[in-house]
Amino acid sequence: MIIRRYEHPDCRAVADLFRSAVHVLAAADYTPQELEAWAPQDRDPAAWDRSLSANLCLVALECGSIVGFGDIDVRRGYLDRLFVRPDMAGRGVGGALCAALEAAVDGDILVHSSRTALGFFKKRGYEVVRAQRVERRGEMLENFVMIRRRPQTKAAAQVRPLDARNG
């Protein structure tokens, strides 16, 4: 497996993978209406490309074919998307992508996990902050705000905030 940066020509394959992953892998956890609202057929390719390009986006390839992708806002530590082609689920693609994305962030990492991915993120050390419902095309979908806290470095731990007592 090769992991590389997303490129504009990857857009169609990534968008198709996203739709397939949502509709197949999340089918046990969401209704057909929720799945269609989450991953509709009529996505705007230009908007999808802009969204992926705004973050650090990586794709995983096997035999020249995209088998997974993920993106993260490195500045905010927000892991936006992480999806694997259904026939590659459980084969380490998601874990490899997630590790590469996590390595690009110095601090804590936040993710809004689907019901389907909840166990995956818990195994990686993410903790549930809260459940929430988000609206997508008129449907309310449940997901979970999760955080993976990074231990403070020794230097950061030694810095004390200033207050009236310590000047």
Protein backbone atom coordinates (compact mmCIF):
# COMPACT_ATOMS: atom_id res chain seq x y z
CA MET A 1 0.00 0.00 0.00
CA ILE A 2 1.20 3.49 -0.87
CA ILE A 3 0.00 6.62 0.94
CA ARG A 4 0.42 9.92 -0.85
CA ARG A 5 -1.08 13.41 -0.94
CA TYR A 6 -4.41 13.93 -2.66
CA GLU A 7 -4.21 15.37 -6.18
CA HIS A 8 -6.99 17.09 -8.13
CA PRO A 9 -7.40 14.20 -10.62
CA ASP A 10 -8.22 11.92 -7.62
CA CYS A 11 -11.47 13.77 -6.97
CA ARG A 12 -13.90 11.48 -8.85
CA ALA A 13 -12.40 8.27 -7.38
CA VAL A 14 -12.39 9.74 -3.85
CA ALA A 15 -15.99 10.98 -4.14
CA ASP A 16 -17.13 7.60 -5.45
CA LEU A 17 -15.25 5.81 -2.65
CA PHE A 18 -16.89 8.09 -0.07
CA ARG A 19 -20.38 7.36 -1.36
CA SER A 20 -19.73 3.63 -1.51
CA ALA A 21 -18.16 3.51 1.95
CA VAL A 22 -21.06 5.39 3.53
CA HIS A 23 -23.80 3.41 1.78
CA VAL A 24 -22.21 -0.01 2.35
CA LEU A 25 -20.25 0.20 5.61
CA ALA A 26 -22.68 2.43 7.53
CA ALA A 27 -25.86 0.70 6.30
CA ALA A 28 -26.31 -1.20 9.57
CA ASP A 29 -26.12 2.01 11.63
CA TYR A 30 -28.16 4.52 9.62
CA THR A 31 -31.40 4.47 7.64
CA PRO A 32 -31.36 4.60 3.81
CA GLN A 33 -32.66 8.18 4.01
CA GLU A 34 -29.86 9.17 6.40
CA LEU A 35 -27.25 7.52 4.17
CA GLU A 36 -28.51 9.37 1.08
CA ALA A 37 -28.51 12.68 2.96
CA TRP A 38 -24.96 12.02 4.17
CA ALA A 39 -23.56 10.82 0.84
CA PRO A 40 -25.85 11.92 -1.99
CA GLN A 41 -25.38 10.97 -5.61
CA ASP A 42 -25.42 14.60 -6.74
CA ARG A 43 -22.30 15.98 -5.04
CA ASP A 44 -20.66 18.99 -6.69
CA PRO A 45 -17.21 17.76 -7.85
CA ALA A 46 -15.65 21.25 -7.77
CA ALA A 47 -16.85 21.88 -4.20
CA TRP A 48 -15.70 18.39 -3.15
CA ASP A 49 -12.23 19.06 -4.64
CA ARG A 50 -11.99 22.47 -2.91
CA SER A 51 -12.98 20.91 0.41
CA LEU A 52 -10.39 18.14 0.16
CA SER A 53 -7.69 20.55 -1.01
CA ALA A 54 -8.31 22.90 1.93
CA ASN A 55 -6.88 20.32 4.36
CA LEU A 56 -4.02 17.88 4.39
CA CYS A 57 -5.65 15.08 2.40
CA LEU A 58 -4.01 11.70 1.88
CA VAL A 59 -5.03 8.79 -0.31
CA ALA A 60 -4.08 5.14 0.07
CA LEU A 61 -3.39 3.18 -3.10
CA GLU A 62 -3.13 -0.50 -3.74
CA CYS A 63 -2.21 -1.71 -7.23
CA GLY A 64 -2.68 1.87 -8.46
CA SER A 65 -6.28 2.11 -7.21
CA ILE A 66 -7.45 4.42 -4.43
CA VAL A 67 -8.61 2.23 -1.53
CA GLY A 68 -8.98 4.90 1.15
CA PHE A 69 -8.61 8.58 1.92
CA GLY A 70 -8.65 10.96 4.84
CA ASP A 71 -8.16 14.64 5.52
CA ILE A 72 -7.28 16.77 8.50
CA ASP A 73 -7.14 20.48 9.26
CA VAL A 74 -3.61 20.50 10.66
CA ARG A 75 -3.93 23.95 12.28
CA ARG A 76 -7.08 23.09 14.23
CA GLY A 77 -6.39 19.38 14.70
CA TYR A 78 -9.75 18.49 13.18
CA LEU A 79 -9.87 15.09 11.45
CA ASP A 80 -12.59 15.75 8.90
CA ARG A 81 -12.95 12.57 6.86
CA LEU A 82 -11.55 9.03 6.93
CA PHE A 83 -13.06 6.43 4.59
CA VAL A 84 -12.02 3.08 3.16
CA ARG A 85 -13.36 1.21 0.16
CA PRO A 86 -15.81 -1.39 1.51
CA ASP A 87 -13.87 -4.40 0.19
CA MET A 88 -10.75 -3.12 2.01
CA ALA A 89 -12.39 -2.55 5.42
CA GLY A 90 -10.57 -4.25 8.28
CA ARG A 91 -7.31 -4.62 6.35
CA GLY A 92 -5.32 -1.79 7.95
CA VAL A 93 -5.99 0.92 5.36
CA GLY A 94 -7.92 3.18 7.74
CA GLY A 95 -5.38 2.70 10.51
CA ALA A 96 -2.45 3.55 8.23
CA LEU A 97 -4.19 6.66 6.90
CA CYS A 98 -5.25 7.77 10.36
CA ALA A 99 -1.72 7.34 11.75
CA ALA A 100 -0.26 9.42 8.91
CA LEU A 101 -2.84 12.19 9.44
CA GLU A 102 -2.39 12.16 13.23
CA ALA A 103 1.39 12.46 12.81
CA ALA A 104 0.90 15.81 11.05
CA VAL A 105 -0.66 17.39 14.17
CA ASP A 106 1.24 18.45 17.28
CA GLY A 107 -1.70 18.83 19.65
CA ASP A 108 -5.02 17.19 20.43
CA ILE A 109 -7.11 15.79 17.57
CA LEU A 110 -10.87 16.20 17.30
CA VAL A 111 -13.16 14.06 15.14
CA HIS A 112 -16.92 13.80 14.61
CA SER A 113 -17.29 10.03 14.41
CA SER A 114 -20.18 8.17 12.90
CA ARG A 115 -21.78 5.32 14.83
CA THR A 116 -19.99 3.01 12.43
CA ALA A 117 -16.49 4.37 13.18
CA LEU A 118 -16.94 4.80 16.94
CA GLY A 119 -15.11 1.56 17.85
CA PHE A 120 -12.27 2.31 15.43
CA PHE A 121 -11.58 5.67 17.07
CA LYS A 122 -11.96 4.33 20.62
CA LYS A 123 -9.28 1.72 19.85
CA ARG A 124 -6.99 4.54 18.73
CA GLY A 125 -7.37 6.33 22.07
CA TYR A 126 -10.11 8.81 21.23
CA GLU A 127 -12.64 9.58 23.95
CA VAL A 128 -16.27 10.52 23.43
CA VAL A 129 -16.94 14.12 24.47
CA ARG A 130 -20.63 14.04 23.56
CA ALA A 131 -23.18 12.64 21.16
CA GLN A 132 -24.76 15.14 18.80
CA ARG A 133 -27.30 15.29 15.99
CA VAL A 134 -26.42 17.15 12.80
CA GLU A 135 -28.72 18.06 9.94
CA ARG A 136 -27.85 16.90 6.44
CA ARG A 137 -30.33 17.59 3.65
CA GLY A 138 -33.28 17.56 6.01
CA GLU A 139 -32.22 14.40 7.90
CA MET A 140 -30.89 14.40 11.46
CA LEU A 141 -27.84 12.13 11.81
CA GLU A 142 -26.25 11.11 15.08
CA ASN A 143 -22.50 11.32 15.43
CA PHE A 144 -20.02 11.65 18.27
CA VAL A 145 -17.58 14.41 19.08
CA MET A 146 -14.39 12.62 20.09
CA ILE A 147 -10.95 13.81 21.11
CA ARG A 148 -7.54 12.22 21.25
CA ARG A 149 -5.44 14.11 23.74
CA ARG A 150 -1.72 14.33 23.18
CA PRO A 151 0.49 14.27 26.26
CA GLN A 152 2.20 17.56 26.96
CA THR A 153 5.88 17.74 26.19
CA LYS A 154 8.24 18.29 29.11
CA ALA A 155 8.94 21.86 27.99
CA ALA A 156 5.22 22.70 27.73
CA ALA A 157 4.52 21.15 31.13
CA GLN A 158 7.17 23.37 32.77
CA VAL A 159 5.65 26.62 31.49
CA ARG A 160 3.35 28.09 34.13
CA PRO A 161 0.66 30.59 33.21
CA LEU A 162 1.18 34.09 34.52
CA ASP A 163 -1.15 35.34 37.22
CA ALA A 164 -1.07 37.96 39.94
CA ARG A 165 0.89 35.67 42.31
CA ASN A 166 3.75 34.59 40.07
CA GLY A 167 4.19 37.73 38.06
